[in-house]
């Protein structure tokens, strides 16, 4: 399940970063196609890694009962 989430995060961020790179190139930016795709791949990898990090942080917070609305204690 988490692997599918990472794959979806990678694919969506890859598409978004590619679109942004194409827009920059159309606006007269000095990026080449190689730089656009290299940045796109690097950005997609970072985005997918951060999705794993966020899942890890949420699991740890849930186990420590620090997430809002999940702990059994009544907060006043």
C-alpha atoms as a PDB file:
ATOM      1  CA  UNK A   1       0.000   0.000   0.000  1.00  0.00           C
ATOM      2  CA  UNK A   2       2.735   2.456   0.896  1.00  0.00           C
ATOM      3  CA  UNK A   3       4.748   1.476  -2.169  1.00  0.00           C
ATOM      4  CA  UNK A   4       1.761   2.361  -4.349  1.00  0.00           C
ATOM      5  CA  UNK A   5       1.562   5.735  -2.630  1.00  0.00           C
ATOM      6  CA  UNK A   6       5.218   6.400  -3.372  1.00  0.00           C
ATOM      7  CA  UNK A   7       4.701   5.418  -7.011  1.00  0.00           C
ATOM      8  CA  UNK A   8       1.699   7.720  -7.308  1.00  0.00           C
ATOM      9  CA  UNK A   9       3.623  10.565  -5.658  1.00  0.00           C
ATOM     10  CA  UNK A  10       6.534  10.014  -8.050  1.00  0.00           C
ATOM     11  CA  UNK A  11       4.335   9.934 -11.155  1.00  0.00           C
ATOM     12  CA  UNK A  12       2.236  12.956 -10.211  1.00  0.00           C
ATOM     13  CA  UNK A  13       5.209  15.062  -9.193  1.00  0.00           C
ATOM     14  CA  UNK A  14       7.081  13.996 -12.345  1.00  0.00           C
ATOM     15  CA  UNK A  15       4.190  15.184 -14.496  1.00  0.00           C
ATOM     16  CA  UNK A  16       3.814  18.444 -12.592  1.00  0.00           C
ATOM     17  CA  UNK A  17       7.526  19.248 -12.671  1.00  0.00           C
ATOM     18  CA  UNK A  18       7.698  18.394 -16.375  1.00  0.00           C
ATOM     19  CA  UNK A  19       4.820  20.755 -17.086  1.00  0.00           C
ATOM     20  CA  UNK A  20       6.479  23.511 -15.061  1.00  0.00           C
ATOM     21  CA  UNK A  21       9.756  22.991 -16.923  1.00  0.00           C
ATOM     22  CA  UNK A  22       8.011  23.189 -20.282  1.00  0.00           C
ATOM     23  CA  UNK A  23       6.290  26.406 -19.235  1.00  0.00           C
ATOM     24  CA  UNK A  24       9.620  27.924 -18.150  1.00  0.00           C
ATOM     25  CA  UNK A  25      11.170  26.939 -21.449  1.00  0.00           C
ATOM     26  CA  UNK A  26       8.296  28.535 -23.384  1.00  0.00           C
ATOM     27  CA  UNK A  27       8.676  31.747 -21.378  1.00  0.00           C
ATOM     28  CA  UNK A  28      12.216  32.100 -22.610  1.00  0.00           C
ATOM     29  CA  UNK A  29      14.140  30.351 -19.873  1.00  0.00           C
ATOM     30  CA  UNK A  30      17.644  29.144 -20.614  1.00  0.00           C
ATOM     31  CA  UNK A  31      16.906  25.531 -19.626  1.00  0.00           C
ATOM     32  CA  UNK A  32      17.731  22.728 -21.977  1.00  0.00           C
ATOM     33  CA  UNK A  33      15.639  19.607 -22.303  1.00  0.00           C
ATOM     34  CA  UNK A  34      18.277  17.637 -20.403  1.00  0.00           C
ATOM     35  CA  UNK A  35      18.201  20.069 -17.463  1.00  0.00           C
ATOM     36  CA  UNK A  36      14.416  20.017 -17.442  1.00  0.00           C
ATOM     37  CA  UNK A  37      14.207  16.228 -17.239  1.00  0.00           C
ATOM     38  CA  UNK A  38      17.095  15.963 -14.771  1.00  0.00           C
ATOM     39  CA  UNK A  39      15.374  18.453 -12.483  1.00  0.00           C
ATOM     40  CA  UNK A  40      12.081  16.688 -12.984  1.00  0.00           C
ATOM     41  CA  UNK A  41      13.487  13.304 -12.007  1.00  0.00           C
ATOM     42  CA  UNK A  42      15.340  14.729  -9.018  1.00  0.00           C
ATOM     43  CA  UNK A  43      12.263  16.621  -7.840  1.00  0.00           C
ATOM     44  CA  UNK A  44      10.045  13.563  -8.256  1.00  0.00           C
ATOM     45  CA  UNK A  45      12.481  11.442  -6.244  1.00  0.00           C
ATOM     46  CA  UNK A  46      12.583  14.013  -3.452  1.00  0.00           C
ATOM     47  CA  UNK A  47       8.786  14.264  -3.440  1.00  0.00           C
ATOM     48  CA  UNK A  48       8.403  10.492  -3.197  1.00  0.00           C
ATOM     49  CA  UNK A  49      11.004  10.302  -0.417  1.00  0.00           C
ATOM     50  CA  UNK A  50       9.159  12.987   1.521  1.00  0.00           C
ATOM     51  CA  UNK A  51       5.923  11.063   1.123  1.00  0.00           C
ATOM     52  CA  UNK A  52       7.611   8.117   2.880  1.00  0.00           C
ATOM     53  CA  UNK A  53       8.933  10.494   5.529  1.00  0.00           C
ATOM     54  CA  UNK A  54       5.463  11.901   6.132  1.00  0.00           C
ATOM     55  CA  UNK A  55       3.982   8.413   6.487  1.00  0.00           C
ATOM     56  CA  UNK A  56       6.758   7.486   8.933  1.00  0.00           C
ATOM     57  CA  UNK A  57       6.148  10.644  10.964  1.00  0.00           C
ATOM     58  CA  UNK A  58       2.400  10.004  11.102  1.00  0.00           C
ATOM     59  CA  UNK A  59       2.899   6.395  12.196  1.00  0.00           C
ATOM     60  CA  UNK A  60       5.292   7.457  14.954  1.00  0.00           C
ATOM     61  CA  UNK A  61       2.949  10.213  16.091  1.00  0.00           C
ATOM     62  CA  UNK A  62       0.019   7.798  16.098  1.00  0.00           C
ATOM     63  CA  UNK A  63       1.926   5.213  18.134  1.00  0.00           C
ATOM     64  CA  UNK A  64       2.956   7.888  20.639  1.00  0.00           C
ATOM     65  CA  UNK A  65      -0.653   9.147  20.660  1.00  0.00           C
ATOM     66  CA  UNK A  66       0.401  12.635  19.633  1.00  0.00           C
ATOM     67  CA  UNK A  67      -1.902  13.039  16.635  1.00  0.00           C
ATOM     68  CA  UNK A  68      -4.977  15.183  17.052  1.00  0.00           C
ATOM     69  CA  UNK A  69      -8.202  13.258  17.556  1.00  0.00           C
ATOM     70  CA  UNK A  70      -6.639   9.797  17.765  1.00  0.00           C
ATOM     71  CA  UNK A  71      -5.531   9.566  21.381  1.00  0.00           C
ATOM     72  CA  UNK A  72      -7.916   8.209  23.989  1.00  0.00           C
ATOM     73  CA  UNK A  73      -7.341  10.980  26.504  1.00  0.00           C
ATOM     74  CA  UNK A  74      -9.853  13.756  26.785  1.00  0.00           C
ATOM     75  CA  UNK A  75      -8.253  17.127  26.224  1.00  0.00           C
ATOM     76  CA  UNK A  76      -9.695  20.121  28.000  1.00  0.00           C
END
